[in-house]
Amino acid sequence: VLHHRSHTGEKPFVCNECGKAFRDRPGFIRHYIIHTGEKPYECIECIECGKAFNRRSYRTWHQQRHTGCKPFECNEC
């Protein structure tokens, strides 16, 4: 369902502070903390480009972009 939303553009979760919309609730929640000033995560950096992430799994997913690895298949793309 979530990946399908990337093709349809559906973003049902809207921030009432700034109007930014998200495909999923976890993405919305991660965004919303920027309005509270809370910093509950330790930064984990990509060893390739230095981009920082608040979760190790996000960094791992990001680093797959550097290698070209695509572990999932989509019938549309």
C-alpha atoms as a PDB file:
ATOM      1  CA  VAL A   1       0.000   0.000   0.000  1.00  0.00           C
ATOM      2  CA  LEU A   2       2.720   2.502   0.949  1.00  0.00           C
ATOM      3  CA  HIS A   3       4.817   1.929  -2.154  1.00  0.00           C
ATOM      4  CA  HIS A   4       1.677   2.137  -4.284  1.00  0.00           C
ATOM      5  CA  ARG A   5       1.078   5.609  -2.823  1.00  0.00           C
ATOM      6  CA  SER A   6       4.416   6.679  -4.327  1.00  0.00           C
ATOM      7  CA  HIS A   7       2.862   6.064  -7.752  1.00  0.00           C
ATOM      8  CA  THR A   8      -0.554   7.596  -6.996  1.00  0.00           C
ATOM      9  CA  GLY A   9       0.768  10.588  -5.078  1.00  0.00           C
ATOM     10  CA  GLU A  10      -1.704   9.920  -2.257  1.00  0.00           C
ATOM     11  CA  LYS A  11      -0.575  11.574   0.995  1.00  0.00           C
ATOM     12  CA  PRO A  12      -3.365  11.259   3.558  1.00  0.00           C
ATOM     13  CA  PHE A  13      -1.377  12.445   6.615  1.00  0.00           C
ATOM     14  CA  VAL A  14      -1.168  16.257   6.718  1.00  0.00           C
ATOM     15  CA  CYS A  15       0.730  18.335   9.277  1.00  0.00           C
ATOM     16  CA  ASN A  16      -1.594  20.919  10.820  1.00  0.00           C
ATOM     17  CA  GLU A  17       1.419  23.132  11.649  1.00  0.00           C
ATOM     18  CA  CYS A  18       2.862  23.613   8.153  1.00  0.00           C
ATOM     19  CA  GLY A  19       0.622  21.715   5.710  1.00  0.00           C
ATOM     20  CA  LYS A  20       3.259  19.200   4.589  1.00  0.00           C
ATOM     21  CA  ALA A  21       1.672  15.867   3.624  1.00  0.00           C
ATOM     22  CA  PHE A  22       2.958  12.310   4.076  1.00  0.00           C
ATOM     23  CA  ARG A  23       2.203   8.859   2.678  1.00  0.00           C
ATOM     24  CA  ASP A  24       2.325   7.173   6.083  1.00  0.00           C
ATOM     25  CA  ARG A  25       1.781   7.930   9.755  1.00  0.00           C
ATOM     26  CA  PRO A  26       5.371   7.119  10.846  1.00  0.00           C
ATOM     27  CA  GLY A  27       6.699   9.631   8.305  1.00  0.00           C
ATOM     28  CA  PHE A  28       4.279  12.228   9.616  1.00  0.00           C
ATOM     29  CA  ILE A  29       5.288  11.578  13.251  1.00  0.00           C
ATOM     30  CA  ARG A  30       9.013  11.845  12.400  1.00  0.00           C
ATOM     31  CA  HIS A  31       8.297  15.173  10.701  1.00  0.00           C
ATOM     32  CA  TYR A  32       6.095  16.559  13.467  1.00  0.00           C
ATOM     33  CA  ILE A  33       8.894  16.563  16.050  1.00  0.00           C
ATOM     34  CA  ILE A  34      10.613  19.386  14.119  1.00  0.00           C
ATOM     35  CA  HIS A  35       7.801  21.645  15.327  1.00  0.00           C
ATOM     36  CA  THR A  36       8.260  20.608  18.976  1.00  0.00           C
ATOM     37  CA  GLY A  37      12.041  21.107  19.054  1.00  0.00           C
ATOM     38  CA  GLU A  38      12.441  17.634  20.554  1.00  0.00           C
ATOM     39  CA  LYS A  39      15.573  15.698  19.536  1.00  0.00           C
ATOM     40  CA  PRO A  40      14.957  12.131  20.742  1.00  0.00           C
ATOM     41  CA  TYR A  41      17.441  10.430  18.407  1.00  0.00           C
ATOM     42  CA  GLU A  42      21.199  10.099  18.105  1.00  0.00           C
ATOM     43  CA  CYS A  43      22.502  10.893  14.608  1.00  0.00           C
ATOM     44  CA  ILE A  44      23.972   8.001  12.611  1.00  0.00           C
ATOM     45  CA  GLU A  45      25.964   9.080   9.555  1.00  0.00           C
ATOM     46  CA  CYS A  46      26.310   7.459   6.135  1.00  0.00           C
ATOM     47  CA  ILE A  47      29.936   6.440   5.619  1.00  0.00           C
ATOM     48  CA  GLU A  48      29.681   7.294   1.902  1.00  0.00           C
ATOM     49  CA  CYS A  49      28.256  10.819   1.936  1.00  0.00           C
ATOM     50  CA  GLY A  50      27.943  11.906   5.572  1.00  0.00           C
ATOM     51  CA  LYS A  51      24.163  12.326   5.530  1.00  0.00           C
ATOM     52  CA  ALA A  52      22.788  11.876   9.066  1.00  0.00           C
ATOM     53  CA  PHE A  53      19.898   9.626  10.072  1.00  0.00           C
ATOM     54  CA  ASN A  54      17.988   9.169  13.298  1.00  0.00           C
ATOM     55  CA  ARG A  55      17.707   5.386  12.885  1.00  0.00           C
ATOM     56  CA  ARG A  56      20.266   2.815  11.830  1.00  0.00           C
ATOM     57  CA  SER A  57      17.728   1.120   9.533  1.00  0.00           C
ATOM     58  CA  TYR A  58      17.198   4.388   7.604  1.00  0.00           C
ATOM     59  CA  ARG A  59      20.940   4.713   7.080  1.00  0.00           C
ATOM     60  CA  THR A  60      21.124   1.104   5.876  1.00  0.00           C
ATOM     61  CA  TRP A  61      18.278   1.723   3.407  1.00  0.00           C
ATOM     62  CA  HIS A  62      19.972   4.951   2.236  1.00  0.00           C
ATOM     63  CA  GLN A  63      23.346   3.244   1.757  1.00  0.00           C
ATOM     64  CA  GLN A  64      21.715   0.784  -0.653  1.00  0.00           C
ATOM     65  CA  ARG A  65      21.286   3.745  -3.008  1.00  0.00           C
ATOM     66  CA  HIS A  66      25.070   4.109  -3.169  1.00  0.00           C
ATOM     67  CA  THR A  67      25.467   0.444  -4.153  1.00  0.00           C
ATOM     68  CA  GLY A  68      22.482   0.341  -6.534  1.00  0.00           C
ATOM     69  CA  CYS A  69      20.955  -2.527  -4.545  1.00  0.00           C
ATOM     70  CA  LYS A  70      17.155  -2.781  -4.968  1.00  0.00           C
ATOM     71  CA  PRO A  71      15.929  -5.542  -2.637  1.00  0.00           C
ATOM     72  CA  PHE A  72      12.240  -5.162  -3.593  1.00  0.00           C
ATOM     73  CA  GLU A  73      10.486  -5.509  -6.931  1.00  0.00           C
ATOM     74  CA  CYS A  74       7.681  -3.236  -8.151  1.00  0.00           C
ATOM     75  CA  ASN A  75       5.454  -4.085 -11.116  1.00  0.00           C
ATOM     76  CA  GLU A  76       5.108  -0.388 -12.014  1.00  0.00           C
ATOM     77  CA  CYS A  77       8.747   0.715 -11.896  1.00  0.00           C
END
